[in-house]
Amino acid sequence: MNTINSLLLCVFILALTVFGVIRKLNRGRLVKKKRLKLSEIELGSTYGTRATIVQFSTTFCAECRSSKAIVKDVVKELSDISYIELDAESNLDLVRRVDIRSTPTTIFLDKNGYEIARAKGAPKRDQLIKAIQAL
């Protein structure tokens, strides 16, 4: 009986480890999404002439601060791309509507406000640059 319990515990630990590794690999990865439209009124700002990047974050989130720095650094010299940071706690209705489940979540919008892609977690610099170049 003791051997069976040990084996079950090992299988359980292995399953949790695999789950954790897969989750970590998927954080920050850009995923193409459905054509959800966000209005300028909801965002509280105007769209960029080429694209808009919207980041949902919270004040207590350390990963949000690093993500914000990466996105700002990449878009600082791109005048045709608008960057909007929204506090998830202050915009709960919008958070529910666009299905934000964790922060930071970065949403990429085309020039008309339609969602092109999103990244849960801090987007990686190279993926961010590729996504912007593809717009």
C-alpha atoms as a PDB file:
ATOM      1  CA  MET A   1       0.000   0.000   0.000  1.00  0.00           C
ATOM      2  CA  ASN A   2       2.844   2.380   0.818  1.00  0.00           C
ATOM      3  CA  THR A   3       4.411   1.844  -2.643  1.00  0.00           C
ATOM      4  CA  ILE A   4       1.129   2.753  -4.361  1.00  0.00           C
ATOM      5  CA  ASN A   5       0.845   5.980  -2.349  1.00  0.00           C
ATOM      6  CA  SER A   6       4.434   6.903  -3.236  1.00  0.00           C
ATOM      7  CA  LEU A   7       3.798   6.201  -6.908  1.00  0.00           C
ATOM      8  CA  LEU A   8       0.608   8.303  -6.908  1.00  0.00           C
ATOM      9  CA  LEU A   9       2.452  11.160  -5.217  1.00  0.00           C
ATOM     10  CA  CYS A  10       5.222  11.023  -7.844  1.00  0.00           C
ATOM     11  CA  VAL A  11       2.688  11.045 -10.692  1.00  0.00           C
ATOM     12  CA  PHE A  12       0.859  13.992  -9.111  1.00  0.00           C
ATOM     13  CA  ILE A  13       4.094  15.993  -8.680  1.00  0.00           C
ATOM     14  CA  LEU A  14       5.128  15.221 -12.273  1.00  0.00           C
ATOM     15  CA  ALA A  15       1.731  16.360 -13.608  1.00  0.00           C
ATOM     16  CA  LEU A  16       1.951  19.637 -11.670  1.00  0.00           C
ATOM     17  CA  THR A  17       5.485  20.222 -12.939  1.00  0.00           C
ATOM     18  CA  VAL A  18       4.440  19.685 -16.564  1.00  0.00           C
ATOM     19  CA  PHE A  19       1.478  22.026 -16.076  1.00  0.00           C
ATOM     20  CA  GLY A  20       3.739  24.717 -14.583  1.00  0.00           C
ATOM     21  CA  VAL A  21       6.293  24.472 -17.401  1.00  0.00           C
ATOM     22  CA  ILE A  22       3.617  24.708 -20.100  1.00  0.00           C
ATOM     23  CA  ARG A  23       2.008  27.702 -18.372  1.00  0.00           C
ATOM     24  CA  LYS A  24       5.345  29.499 -18.050  1.00  0.00           C
ATOM     25  CA  LEU A  25       6.160  28.924 -21.733  1.00  0.00           C
ATOM     26  CA  ASN A  26       2.820  30.410 -22.813  1.00  0.00           C
ATOM     27  CA  ARG A  27       3.093  33.602 -20.710  1.00  0.00           C
ATOM     28  CA  GLY A  28       3.874  36.638 -22.866  1.00  0.00           C
ATOM     29  CA  ARG A  29       3.274  34.813 -26.154  1.00  0.00           C
ATOM     30  CA  LEU A  30       1.232  36.677 -28.765  1.00  0.00           C
ATOM     31  CA  VAL A  31      -1.967  34.933 -29.746  1.00  0.00           C
ATOM     32  CA  LYS A  32      -4.242  35.959 -32.614  1.00  0.00           C
ATOM     33  CA  LYS A  33      -7.706  36.699 -31.325  1.00  0.00           C
ATOM     34  CA  LYS A  34     -11.246  37.259 -32.547  1.00  0.00           C
ATOM     35  CA  ARG A  35     -12.151  40.617 -34.061  1.00  0.00           C
ATOM     36  CA  LEU A  36     -13.332  42.330 -30.893  1.00  0.00           C
ATOM     37  CA  LYS A  37     -13.839  46.097 -31.293  1.00  0.00           C
ATOM     38  CA  LEU A  38     -12.813  48.545 -28.578  1.00  0.00           C
ATOM     39  CA  SER A  39     -14.093  52.090 -28.944  1.00  0.00           C
ATOM     40  CA  GLU A  40     -12.086  55.246 -28.317  1.00  0.00           C
ATOM     41  CA  ILE A  41     -14.631  56.146 -25.630  1.00  0.00           C
ATOM     42  CA  GLU A  42     -13.991  52.883 -23.758  1.00  0.00           C
ATOM     43  CA  LEU A  43     -10.235  53.417 -24.020  1.00  0.00           C
ATOM     44  CA  GLY A  44     -10.373  57.081 -23.066  1.00  0.00           C
ATOM     45  CA  SER A  45      -7.970  57.949 -25.886  1.00  0.00           C
ATOM     46  CA  THR A  46      -7.777  58.068 -29.667  1.00  0.00           C
ATOM     47  CA  TYR A  47      -6.522  55.269 -31.885  1.00  0.00           C
ATOM     48  CA  GLY A  48      -3.084  55.440 -33.448  1.00  0.00           C
ATOM     49  CA  THR A  49      -3.002  56.092 -37.190  1.00  0.00           C
ATOM     50  CA  ARG A  50      -1.476  52.632 -37.763  1.00  0.00           C
ATOM     51  CA  ALA A  51      -2.245  50.702 -34.567  1.00  0.00           C
ATOM     52  CA  THR A  52      -2.999  50.937 -30.868  1.00  0.00           C
ATOM     53  CA  ILE A  53      -1.480  48.909 -28.050  1.00  0.00           C
ATOM     54  CA  VAL A  54      -3.616  48.635 -24.907  1.00  0.00           C
ATOM     55  CA  GLN A  55      -2.139  47.235 -21.720  1.00  0.00           C
ATOM     56  CA  PHE A  56      -4.302  46.198 -18.789  1.00  0.00           C
ATOM     57  CA  SER A  57      -2.343  46.238 -15.535  1.00  0.00           C
ATOM     58  CA  THR A  58      -2.749  46.670 -11.788  1.00  0.00           C
ATOM     59  CA  THR A  59      -0.792  48.738  -9.305  1.00  0.00           C
ATOM     60  CA  PHE A  60       0.463  45.763  -7.274  1.00  0.00           C
ATOM     61  CA  CYS A  61       1.707  43.782 -10.296  1.00  0.00           C
ATOM     62  CA  ALA A  62       5.521  43.716 -10.633  1.00  0.00           C
ATOM     63  CA  GLU A  63       5.385  42.054 -14.058  1.00  0.00           C
ATOM     64  CA  CYS A  64       3.126  44.920 -15.228  1.00  0.00           C
ATOM     65  CA  ARG A  65       5.839  47.482 -14.501  1.00  0.00           C
ATOM     66  CA  SER A  66       8.459  45.613 -16.540  1.00  0.00           C
ATOM     67  CA  SER A  67       5.966  45.023 -19.357  1.00  0.00           C
ATOM     68  CA  LYS A  68       5.057  48.714 -19.405  1.00  0.00           C
ATOM     69  CA  ALA A  69       8.733  49.657 -19.698  1.00  0.00           C
ATOM     70  CA  ILE A  70       9.290  47.237 -22.610  1.00  0.00           C
ATOM     71  CA  VAL A  71       6.236  48.417 -24.559  1.00  0.00           C
ATOM     72  CA  LYS A  72       6.977  52.106 -23.966  1.00  0.00           C
ATOM     73  CA  ASP A  73      10.589  51.617 -25.075  1.00  0.00           C
ATOM     74  CA  VAL A  74       9.564  49.858 -28.302  1.00  0.00           C
ATOM     75  CA  VAL A  75       6.841  52.360 -29.298  1.00  0.00           C
ATOM     76  CA  LYS A  76       8.476  55.597 -28.107  1.00  0.00           C
ATOM     77  CA  GLU A  77       9.697  56.557 -31.581  1.00  0.00           C
ATOM     78  CA  LEU A  78       6.676  55.254 -33.475  1.00  0.00           C
ATOM     79  CA  SER A  79       4.319  58.225 -33.719  1.00  0.00           C
ATOM     80  CA  ASP A  80       1.724  56.238 -35.687  1.00  0.00           C
ATOM     81  CA  ILE A  81       1.176  53.778 -32.823  1.00  0.00           C
ATOM     82  CA  SER A  82      -0.794  54.800 -29.756  1.00  0.00           C
ATOM     83  CA  TYR A  83       0.010  53.211 -26.382  1.00  0.00           C
ATOM     84  CA  ILE A  84      -2.737  53.157 -23.749  1.00  0.00           C
ATOM     85  CA  GLU A  85      -2.325  51.771 -20.250  1.00  0.00           C
ATOM     86  CA  LEU A  86      -5.519  50.952 -18.354  1.00  0.00           C
ATOM     87  CA  ASP A  87      -5.860  50.031 -14.707  1.00  0.00           C
ATOM     88  CA  ALA A  88      -7.819  46.781 -14.619  1.00  0.00           C
ATOM     89  CA  GLU A  89      -9.322  47.543 -11.206  1.00  0.00           C
ATOM     90  CA  SER A  90     -10.716  50.898 -12.380  1.00  0.00           C
ATOM     91  CA  ASN A  91     -12.177  49.469 -15.605  1.00  0.00           C
ATOM     92  CA  LEU A  92     -13.925  46.296 -14.432  1.00  0.00           C
ATOM     93  CA  ASP A  93     -16.746  46.450 -16.995  1.00  0.00           C
ATOM     94  CA  LEU A  94     -14.253  46.650 -19.858  1.00  0.00           C
ATOM     95  CA  VAL A  95     -12.096  43.927 -18.265  1.00  0.00           C
ATOM     96  CA  ARG A  96     -15.100  41.604 -18.209  1.00  0.00           C
ATOM     97  CA  ARG A  97     -16.147  42.491 -21.755  1.00  0.00           C
ATOM     98  CA  VAL A  98     -12.723  41.789 -23.284  1.00  0.00           C
ATOM     99  CA  ASP A  99     -12.132  38.739 -21.036  1.00  0.00           C
ATOM    100  CA  ILE A 100      -8.998  39.854 -19.180  1.00  0.00           C
ATOM    101  CA  ARG A 101      -8.097  37.038 -16.784  1.00  0.00           C
ATOM    102  CA  SER A 102      -4.638  38.099 -15.625  1.00  0.00           C
ATOM    103  CA  THR A 103      -2.394  41.137 -15.646  1.00  0.00           C
ATOM    104  CA  PRO A 104      -0.529  42.286 -17.525  1.00  0.00           C
ATOM    105  CA  THR A 105      -2.527  41.615 -20.674  1.00  0.00           C
ATOM    106  CA  THR A 106      -1.516  43.527 -23.785  1.00  0.00           C
ATOM    107  CA  ILE A 107      -4.007  43.870 -26.638  1.00  0.00           C
ATOM    108  CA  PHE A 108      -3.003  44.935 -30.155  1.00  0.00           C
ATOM    109  CA  LEU A 109      -5.638  46.861 -32.108  1.00  0.00           C
ATOM    110  CA  ASP A 110      -5.615  47.831 -35.785  1.00  0.00           C
ATOM    111  CA  LYS A 111      -6.204  51.442 -36.835  1.00  0.00           C
ATOM    112  CA  ASN A 112      -9.985  50.944 -36.586  1.00  0.00           C
ATOM    113  CA  GLY A 113      -9.927  49.539 -33.046  1.00  0.00           C
ATOM    114  CA  TYR A 114     -10.327  45.838 -33.861  1.00  0.00           C
ATOM    115  CA  GLU A 115      -8.288  43.343 -31.839  1.00  0.00           C
ATOM    116  CA  ILE A 116      -5.529  41.659 -33.837  1.00  0.00           C
ATOM    117  CA  ALA A 117      -3.643  39.812 -31.105  1.00  0.00           C
ATOM    118  CA  ARG A 118      -3.054  39.728 -27.369  1.00  0.00           C
ATOM    119  CA  ALA A 119      -0.352  38.650 -24.954  1.00  0.00           C
ATOM    120  CA  LYS A 120      -1.042  37.415 -21.432  1.00  0.00           C
ATOM    121  CA  GLY A 121       1.924  38.291 -19.284  1.00  0.00           C
ATOM    122  CA  ALA A 122       4.768  40.541 -20.329  1.00  0.00           C
ATOM    123  CA  PRO A 123       5.219  40.371 -24.109  1.00  0.00           C
ATOM    124  CA  LYS A 124       8.729  39.534 -25.203  1.00  0.00           C
ATOM    125  CA  ARG A 125      10.575  42.386 -26.926  1.00  0.00           C
ATOM    126  CA  ASP A 126      11.247  40.463 -30.161  1.00  0.00           C
ATOM    127  CA  GLN A 127       7.629  39.312 -30.456  1.00  0.00           C
ATOM    128  CA  LEU A 128       6.441  42.861 -29.788  1.00  0.00           C
ATOM    129  CA  ILE A 129       8.683  44.243 -32.537  1.00  0.00           C
ATOM    130  CA  LYS A 130       7.541  41.551 -35.009  1.00  0.00           C
ATOM    131  CA  ALA A 131       3.884  42.230 -34.215  1.00  0.00           C
ATOM    132  CA  ILE A 132       4.341  45.976 -34.762  1.00  0.00           C
ATOM    133  CA  GLN A 133       6.223  45.435 -38.020  1.00  0.00           C
ATOM    134  CA  ALA A 134       3.409  43.192 -39.270  1.00  0.00           C
ATOM    135  CA  LEU A 135       0.813  45.953 -38.816  1.00  0.00           C
END
